Amino acid sequence: MATYSSRKYIRMIFQDSGGGSFTLRVPDPKDDVTDQEILNAMDTIIAQNIFQGRSGDLVAKVDARVVETNISDYYD
C-alpha cells in the first residue's frame, strides 16, 4: 500500500561577506505567504545579523523560493 506525503518550505539563499552562499530553509510556511513577506524577512535577517555564513556576515539576497515536494512511497 502506498503512502503519500508532501513537504513545503521556503528556501532563502544569501551571499556572505566572503562571497560564499548561505541557505536557510523555513518549514511549513503559511499557504498565503507573499513574495514581499519573504523579501522583508530576508532584509531583516541581513540587517539584524541574525545568521552568519562560513566566511562572514550575510550581506545580500541571492534567491528565494517556496518549494513543495510530493512523495509517494510504494515500498519500504
PDB file of N, CA and C in Angstrom:
ATOM      1  N   MET A   1       0.836  -1.175   0.000  1.00  0.00           N
ATOM      2  CA  MET A   1       0.000   0.000   0.000  1.00  0.00           C
ATOM      3  C   MET A   1       0.888   1.249   0.000  1.00  0.00           C
ATOM      4  N   ALA A   2       0.618   2.141  -0.882  1.00  0.00           N
ATOM      5  CA  ALA A   2       1.421   3.354  -0.999  1.00  0.00           C
ATOM      6  C   ALA A   2       1.040   4.363   0.079  1.00  0.00           C
ATOM      7  N   THR A   3       2.023   5.091   0.528  1.00  0.00           N
ATOM      8  CA  THR A   3       1.775   6.199   1.439  1.00  0.00           C
ATOM      9  C   THR A   3       2.206   7.483   0.741  1.00  0.00           C
ATOM     10  N   TYR A   4       1.477   8.537   0.983  1.00  0.00           N
ATOM     11  CA  TYR A   4       1.742   9.803   0.325  1.00  0.00           C
ATOM     12  C   TYR A   4       1.992  10.869   1.375  1.00  0.00           C
ATOM     13  N   SER A   5       2.926  11.718   1.074  1.00  0.00           N
ATOM     14  CA  SER A   5       3.182  12.855   1.950  1.00  0.00           C
ATOM     15  C   SER A   5       3.691  14.013   1.102  1.00  0.00           C
ATOM     16  N   SER A   6       3.651  15.177   1.676  1.00  0.00           N
ATOM     17  CA  SER A   6       4.189  16.340   0.983  1.00  0.00           C
ATOM     18  C   SER A   6       4.912  17.216   1.993  1.00  0.00           C
ATOM     19  N   ARG A   7       5.851  17.969   1.480  1.00  0.00           N
ATOM     20  CA  ARG A   7       6.602  18.906   2.297  1.00  0.00           C
ATOM     21  C   ARG A   7       6.617  20.248   1.583  1.00  0.00           C
ATOM     22  N   LYS A   8       6.598  21.297   2.369  1.00  0.00           N
ATOM     23  CA  LYS A   8       6.645  22.636   1.809  1.00  0.00           C
ATOM     24  C   LYS A   8       7.563  23.472   2.688  1.00  0.00           C
ATOM     25  N   TYR A   9       8.430  24.229   2.051  1.00  0.00           N
ATOM     26  CA  TYR A   9       9.319  25.106   2.812  1.00  0.00           C
ATOM     27  C   TYR A   9       9.720  26.298   1.954  1.00  0.00           C
ATOM     28  N   ILE A  10      10.190  27.335   2.621  1.00  0.00           N
ATOM     29  CA  ILE A  10      10.762  28.487   1.935  1.00  0.00           C
ATOM     30  C   ILE A  10      12.273  28.303   1.962  1.00  0.00           C
ATOM     31  N   ARG A  11      12.882  28.424   0.790  1.00  0.00           N
ATOM     32  CA  ARG A  11      14.345  28.346   0.709  1.00  0.00           C
ATOM     33  C   ARG A  11      14.867  29.736   0.374  1.00  0.00           C
ATOM     34  N   MET A  12      15.685  30.271   1.270  1.00  0.00           N
ATOM     35  CA  MET A  12      16.287  31.588   1.082  1.00  0.00           C
ATOM     36  C   MET A  12      17.795  31.411   0.967  1.00  0.00           C
ATOM     37  N   ILE A  13      18.364  32.001  -0.055  1.00  0.00           N
ATOM     38  CA  ILE A  13      19.810  31.913  -0.253  1.00  0.00           C
ATOM     39  C   ILE A  13      20.393  33.319  -0.161  1.00  0.00           C
ATOM     40  N   PHE A  14      21.447  33.436   0.627  1.00  0.00           N
ATOM     41  CA  PHE A  14      22.132  34.705   0.854  1.00  0.00           C
ATOM     42  C   PHE A  14      23.588  34.591   0.418  1.00  0.00           C
ATOM     43  N   GLN A  15      24.207  35.736   0.194  1.00  0.00           N
ATOM     44  CA  GLN A  15      25.653  35.790  -0.017  1.00  0.00           C
ATOM     45  C   GLN A  15      26.274  36.331   1.259  1.00  0.00           C
ATOM     46  N   ASP A  16      27.397  35.739   1.668  1.00  0.00           N
ATOM     47  CA  ASP A  16      28.076  36.260   2.854  1.00  0.00           C
ATOM     48  C   ASP A  16      29.223  37.175   2.426  1.00  0.00           C
ATOM     49  N   SER A  17      29.842  37.831   3.400  1.00  0.00           N
ATOM     50  CA  SER A  17      30.858  38.844   3.109  1.00  0.00           C
ATOM     51  C   SER A  17      32.097  38.275   2.427  1.00  0.00           C
ATOM     52  N   GLY A  18      32.301  36.972   2.506  1.00  0.00           N
ATOM     53  CA  GLY A  18      33.437  36.348   1.838  1.00  0.00           C
ATOM     54  C   GLY A  18      33.106  35.824   0.454  1.00  0.00           C
ATOM     55  N   GLY A  19      31.877  36.068  -0.003  1.00  0.00           N
ATOM     56  CA  GLY A  19      31.482  35.609  -1.330  1.00  0.00           C
ATOM     57  C   GLY A  19      30.840  34.237  -1.350  1.00  0.00           C
ATOM     58  N   GLY A  20      30.723  33.609  -0.199  1.00  0.00           N
ATOM     59  CA  GLY A  20      30.094  32.290  -0.112  1.00  0.00           C
ATOM     60  C   GLY A  20      28.581  32.403  -0.060  1.00  0.00           C
ATOM     61  N   SER A  21      27.919  31.269  -0.146  1.00  0.00           N
ATOM     62  CA  SER A  21      26.464  31.277  -0.059  1.00  0.00           C
ATOM     63  C   SER A  21      26.008  30.605   1.229  1.00  0.00           C
ATOM     64  N   PHE A  22      24.859  31.024   1.688  1.00  0.00           N
ATOM     65  CA  PHE A  22      24.257  30.517   2.911  1.00  0.00           C
ATOM     66  C   PHE A  22      22.790  30.264   2.610  1.00  0.00           C
ATOM     67  N   THR A  23      22.326  29.040   2.868  1.00  0.00           N
ATOM     68  CA  THR A  23      20.946  28.674   2.583  1.00  0.00           C
ATOM     69  C   THR A  23      20.186  28.478   3.888  1.00  0.00           C
ATOM     70  N   LEU A  24      19.011  29.055   3.935  1.00  0.00           N
ATOM     71  CA  LEU A  24      18.141  28.922   5.095  1.00  0.00           C
ATOM     72  C   LEU A  24      16.812  28.365   4.614  1.00  0.00           C
ATOM     73  N   ARG A  25      16.343  27.321   5.267  1.00  0.00           N
ATOM     74  CA  ARG A  25      15.043  26.733   4.947  1.00  0.00           C
ATOM     75  C   ARG A  25      14.095  26.929   6.106  1.00  0.00           C
ATOM     76  N   VAL A  26      12.906  27.414   5.787  1.00  0.00           N
ATOM     77  CA  VAL A  26      11.865  27.632   6.791  1.00  0.00           C
ATOM     78  C   VAL A  26      10.730  26.662   6.475  1.00  0.00           C
ATOM     79  N   PRO A  27      10.512  25.660   7.328  1.00  0.00           N
ATOM     80  CA  PRO A  27       9.484  24.656   7.033  1.00  0.00           C
ATOM     81  C   PRO A  27       8.069  25.162   7.273  1.00  0.00           C
ATOM     82  N   ASP A  28       7.149  24.574   6.548  1.00  0.00           N
ATOM     83  CA  ASP A  28       5.710  24.779   6.735  1.00  0.00           C
ATOM     84  C   ASP A  28       5.273  26.242   6.738  1.00  0.00           C
ATOM     85  N   PRO A  29       5.584  26.976   5.674  1.00  0.00           N
ATOM     86  CA  PRO A  29       5.116  28.368   5.631  1.00  0.00           C
ATOM     87  C   PRO A  29       3.597  28.416   5.478  1.00  0.00           C
ATOM     88  N   LYS A  30       3.028  29.529   5.850  1.00  0.00           N
ATOM     89  CA  LYS A  30       1.576  29.683   5.673  1.00  0.00           C
ATOM     90  C   LYS A  30       1.264  29.639   4.173  1.00  0.00           C
ATOM     91  N   ASP A  31       0.076  29.181   3.853  1.00  0.00           N
ATOM     92  CA  ASP A  31      -0.302  28.986   2.454  1.00  0.00           C
ATOM     93  C   ASP A  31      -0.342  30.276   1.653  1.00  0.00           C
ATOM     94  N   ASP A  32      -0.650  31.383   2.303  1.00  0.00           N
ATOM     95  CA  ASP A  32      -0.781  32.637   1.568  1.00  0.00           C
ATOM     96  C   ASP A  32       0.411  33.585   1.758  1.00  0.00           C
ATOM     97  N   VAL A  33       1.594  33.018   2.035  1.00  0.00           N
ATOM     98  CA  VAL A  33       2.781  33.851   2.188  1.00  0.00           C
ATOM     99  C   VAL A  33       3.040  34.589   0.873  1.00  0.00           C
ATOM    100  N   THR A  34       3.430  35.848   0.976  1.00  0.00           N
ATOM    101  CA  THR A  34       3.657  36.654  -0.222  1.00  0.00           C
ATOM    102  C   THR A  34       5.153  36.816  -0.476  1.00  0.00           C
ATOM    103  N   ASP A  35       5.467  37.160  -1.710  1.00  0.00           N
ATOM    104  CA  ASP A  35       6.860  37.407  -2.039  1.00  0.00           C
ATOM    105  C   ASP A  35       7.420  38.558  -1.225  1.00  0.00           C
ATOM    106  N   GLN A  36       6.609  39.578  -0.976  1.00  0.00           N
ATOM    107  CA  GLN A  36       7.081  40.715  -0.195  1.00  0.00           C
ATOM    108  C   GLN A  36       7.380  40.321   1.253  1.00  0.00           C
ATOM    109  N   GLU A  37       6.587  39.440   1.839  1.00  0.00           N
ATOM    110  CA  GLU A  37       6.862  38.966   3.203  1.00  0.00           C
ATOM    111  C   GLU A  37       8.185  38.214   3.257  1.00  0.00           C
ATOM    112  N   ILE A  38       8.444  37.403   2.255  1.00  0.00           N
ATOM    113  CA  ILE A  38       9.710  36.650   2.221  1.00  0.00           C
ATOM    114  C   ILE A  38      10.883  37.610   2.067  1.00  0.00           C
ATOM    115  N   LEU A  39      10.775  38.564   1.145  1.00  0.00           N
ATOM    116  CA  LEU A  39      11.866  39.527   0.939  1.00  0.00           C
ATOM    117  C   LEU A  39      12.081  40.396   2.167  1.00  0.00           C
ATOM    118  N   ASN A  40      11.001  40.788   2.836  1.00  0.00           N
ATOM    119  CA  ASN A  40      11.138  41.558   4.078  1.00  0.00           C
ATOM    120  C   ASN A  40      11.849  40.752   5.153  1.00  0.00           C
ATOM    121  N   ALA A  41      11.519  39.463   5.252  1.00  0.00           N
ATOM    122  CA  ALA A  41      12.190  38.592   6.225  1.00  0.00           C
ATOM    123  C   ALA A  41      13.681  38.489   5.912  1.00  0.00           C
ATOM    124  N   MET A  42      14.011  38.367   4.641  1.00  0.00           N
ATOM    125  CA  MET A  42      15.425  38.292   4.248  1.00  0.00           C
ATOM    126  C   MET A  42      16.151  39.588   4.603  1.00  0.00           C
ATOM    127  N   ASP A  43      15.507  40.728   4.350  1.00  0.00           N
ATOM    128  CA  ASP A  43      16.109  42.019   4.713  1.00  0.00           C
ATOM    129  C   ASP A  43      16.348  42.110   6.216  1.00  0.00           C
ATOM    130  N   THR A  44      15.385  41.634   7.001  1.00  0.00           N
ATOM    131  CA  THR A  44      15.526  41.652   8.458  1.00  0.00           C
ATOM    132  C   THR A  44      16.679  40.763   8.911  1.00  0.00           C
ATOM    133  N   ILE A  45      16.789  39.593   8.320  1.00  0.00           N
ATOM    134  CA  ILE A  45      17.881  38.670   8.667  1.00  0.00           C
ATOM    135  C   ILE A  45      19.230  39.322   8.404  1.00  0.00           C
ATOM    136  N   ILE A  46      19.352  40.002   7.266  1.00  0.00           N
ATOM    137  CA  ILE A  46      20.609  40.680   6.936  1.00  0.00           C
ATOM    138  C   ILE A  46      20.846  41.859   7.872  1.00  0.00           C
ATOM    139  N   ALA A  47      19.851  42.713   8.049  1.00  0.00           N
ATOM    140  CA  ALA A  47      20.004  43.937   8.849  1.00  0.00           C
ATOM    141  C   ALA A  47      20.322  43.656  10.308  1.00  0.00           C
ATOM    142  N   GLN A  48      19.710  42.609  10.867  1.00  0.00           N
ATOM    143  CA  GLN A  48      19.916  42.313  12.280  1.00  0.00           C
ATOM    144  C   GLN A  48      21.044  41.317  12.510  1.00  0.00           C
ATOM    145  N   ASN A  49      21.702  40.894  11.426  1.00  0.00           N
ATOM    146  CA  ASN A  49      22.854  39.994  11.518  1.00  0.00           C
ATOM    147  C   ASN A  49      22.515  38.744  12.339  1.00  0.00           C
ATOM    148  N   ILE A  50      21.383  38.143  12.015  1.00  0.00           N
ATOM    149  CA  ILE A  50      20.872  37.004  12.775  1.00  0.00           C
ATOM    150  C   ILE A  50      21.702  35.745  12.553  1.00  0.00           C
ATOM    151  N   PHE A  51      22.121  35.512  11.321  1.00  0.00           N
ATOM    152  CA  PHE A  51      22.917  34.324  10.981  1.00  0.00           C
ATOM    153  C   PHE A  51      24.225  34.770  10.360  1.00  0.00           C
ATOM    154  N   GLN A  52      25.192  33.851  10.368  1.00  0.00           N
ATOM    155  CA  GLN A  52      26.470  34.131   9.750  1.00  0.00           C
ATOM    156  C   GLN A  52      26.818  32.975   8.825  1.00  0.00           C
ATOM    157  N   GLY A  53      27.342  33.302   7.654  1.00  0.00           N
ATOM    158  CA  GLY A  53      27.792  32.286   6.721  1.00  0.00           C
ATOM    159  C   GLY A  53      29.166  31.777   7.112  1.00  0.00           C
ATOM    160  N   ARG A  54      29.687  30.836   6.342  1.00  0.00           N
ATOM    161  CA  ARG A  54      31.011  30.276   6.648  1.00  0.00           C
ATOM    162  C   ARG A  54      32.118  31.312   6.569  1.00  0.00           C
ATOM    163  N   SER A  55      31.944  32.276   5.658  1.00  0.00           N
ATOM    164  CA  SER A  55      33.006  33.264   5.511  1.00  0.00           C
ATOM    165  C   SER A  55      32.582  34.673   5.909  1.00  0.00           C
ATOM    166  N   GLY A  56      31.617  34.785   6.785  1.00  0.00           N
ATOM    167  CA  GLY A  56      31.282  36.105   7.303  1.00  0.00           C
ATOM    168  C   GLY A  56      29.792  36.394   7.373  1.00  0.00           C
ATOM    169  N   ASP A  57      29.509  37.667   7.633  1.00  0.00           N
ATOM    170  CA  ASP A  57      28.127  38.129   7.769  1.00  0.00           C
ATOM    171  C   ASP A  57      27.371  37.991   6.454  1.00  0.00           C
ATOM    172  N   LEU A  58      26.059  37.825   6.559  1.00  0.00           N
ATOM    173  CA  LEU A  58      25.220  37.798   5.368  1.00  0.00           C
ATOM    174  C   LEU A  58      25.059  39.227   4.876  1.00  0.00           C
ATOM    175  N   VAL A  59      25.293  39.432   3.560  1.00  0.00           N
ATOM    176  CA  VAL A  59      25.314  40.799   3.040  1.00  0.00           C
ATOM    177  C   VAL A  59      24.342  41.045   1.884  1.00  0.00           C
ATOM    178  N   ALA A  60      23.840  39.973   1.249  1.00  0.00           N
ATOM    179  CA  ALA A  60      22.963  40.183   0.096  1.00  0.00           C
ATOM    180  C   ALA A  60      22.014  39.007  -0.092  1.00  0.00           C
ATOM    181  N   LYS A  61      20.855  39.320  -0.685  1.00  0.00           N
ATOM    182  CA  LYS A  61      19.895  38.286  -1.063  1.00  0.00           C
ATOM    183  C   LYS A  61      20.316  37.732  -2.423  1.00  0.00           C
ATOM    184  N   VAL A  62      20.250  36.419  -2.575  1.00  0.00           N
ATOM    185  CA  VAL A  62      20.594  35.790  -3.849  1.00  0.00           C
ATOM    186  C   VAL A  62      19.361  35.170  -4.494  1.00  0.00           C
ATOM    187  N   ASP A  63      18.560  34.435  -3.717  1.00  0.00           N
ATOM    188  CA  ASP A  63      17.408  33.736  -4.272  1.00  0.00           C
ATOM    189  C   ASP A  63      16.430  33.417  -3.146  1.00  0.00           C
ATOM    190  N   ALA A  64      15.170  33.324  -3.507  1.00  0.00           N
ATOM    191  CA  ALA A  64      14.137  32.902  -2.554  1.00  0.00           C
ATOM    192  C   ALA A  64      13.056  32.186  -3.339  1.00  0.00           C
ATOM    193  N   ARG A  65      12.590  31.057  -2.797  1.00  0.00           N
ATOM    194  CA  ARG A  65      11.501  30.333  -3.450  1.00  0.00           C
ATOM    195  C   ARG A  65      10.775  29.458  -2.444  1.00  0.00           C
ATOM    196  N   VAL A  66       9.530  29.207  -2.749  1.00  0.00           N
ATOM    197  CA  VAL A  66       8.743  28.255  -1.977  1.00  0.00           C
ATOM    198  C   VAL A  66       8.850  26.925  -2.713  1.00  0.00           C
ATOM    199  N   VAL A  67       9.271  25.902  -1.987  1.00  0.00           N
ATOM    200  CA  VAL A  67       9.472  24.576  -2.571  1.00  0.00           C
ATOM    201  C   VAL A  67       8.452  23.623  -1.969  1.00  0.00           C
ATOM    202  N   GLU A  68       7.779  22.882  -2.823  1.00  0.00           N
ATOM    203  CA  GLU A  68       6.818  21.886  -2.370  1.00  0.00           C
ATOM    204  C   GLU A  68       7.128  20.575  -3.069  1.00  0.00           C
ATOM    205  N   THR A  69       7.272  19.507  -2.282  1.00  0.00           N
ATOM    206  CA  THR A  69       7.535  18.187  -2.846  1.00  0.00           C
ATOM    207  C   THR A  69       6.421  17.240  -2.432  1.00  0.00           C
ATOM    208  N   ASN A  70       6.055  16.389  -3.353  1.00  0.00           N
ATOM    209  CA  ASN A  70       5.082  15.336  -3.082  1.00  0.00           C
ATOM    210  C   ASN A  70       5.806  14.004  -3.167  1.00  0.00           C
ATOM    211  N   ILE A  71       5.609  13.166  -2.174  1.00  0.00           N
ATOM    212  CA  ILE A  71       6.322  11.901  -2.075  1.00  0.00           C
ATOM    213  C   ILE A  71       5.321  10.755  -2.082  1.00  0.00           C
ATOM    214  N   SER A  72       5.561   9.797  -2.952  1.00  0.00           N
ATOM    215  CA  SER A  72       4.769   8.569  -2.995  1.00  0.00           C
ATOM    216  C   SER A  72       5.691   7.426  -2.641  1.00  0.00           C
ATOM    217  N   ASP A  73       5.493   6.834  -1.489  1.00  0.00           N
ATOM    218  CA  ASP A  73       6.350   5.762  -1.012  1.00  0.00           C
ATOM    219  C   ASP A  73       5.610   4.433  -1.244  1.00  0.00           C
ATOM    220  N   TYR A  74       6.134   3.623  -2.144  1.00  0.00           N
ATOM    221  CA  TYR A  74       5.473   2.373  -2.508  1.00  0.00           C
ATOM    222  C   TYR A  74       6.050   1.164  -1.806  1.00  0.00           C
ATOM    223  N   TYR A  75       7.284   1.268  -1.334  1.00  0.00           N
ATOM    224  CA  TYR A  75       7.904   0.112  -0.706  1.00  0.00           C
ATOM    225  C   TYR A  75       8.939   0.578   0.285  1.00  0.00           C
ATOM    226  N   ASP A  76       8.940  -0.025   1.483  1.00  0.00           N
ATOM    227  CA  ASP A  76       9.954   0.290   2.490  1.00  0.00           C
ATOM    228  C   ASP A  76      11.007  -0.770   2.518  1.00  0.00           C
TER     229      ASP A  76
END
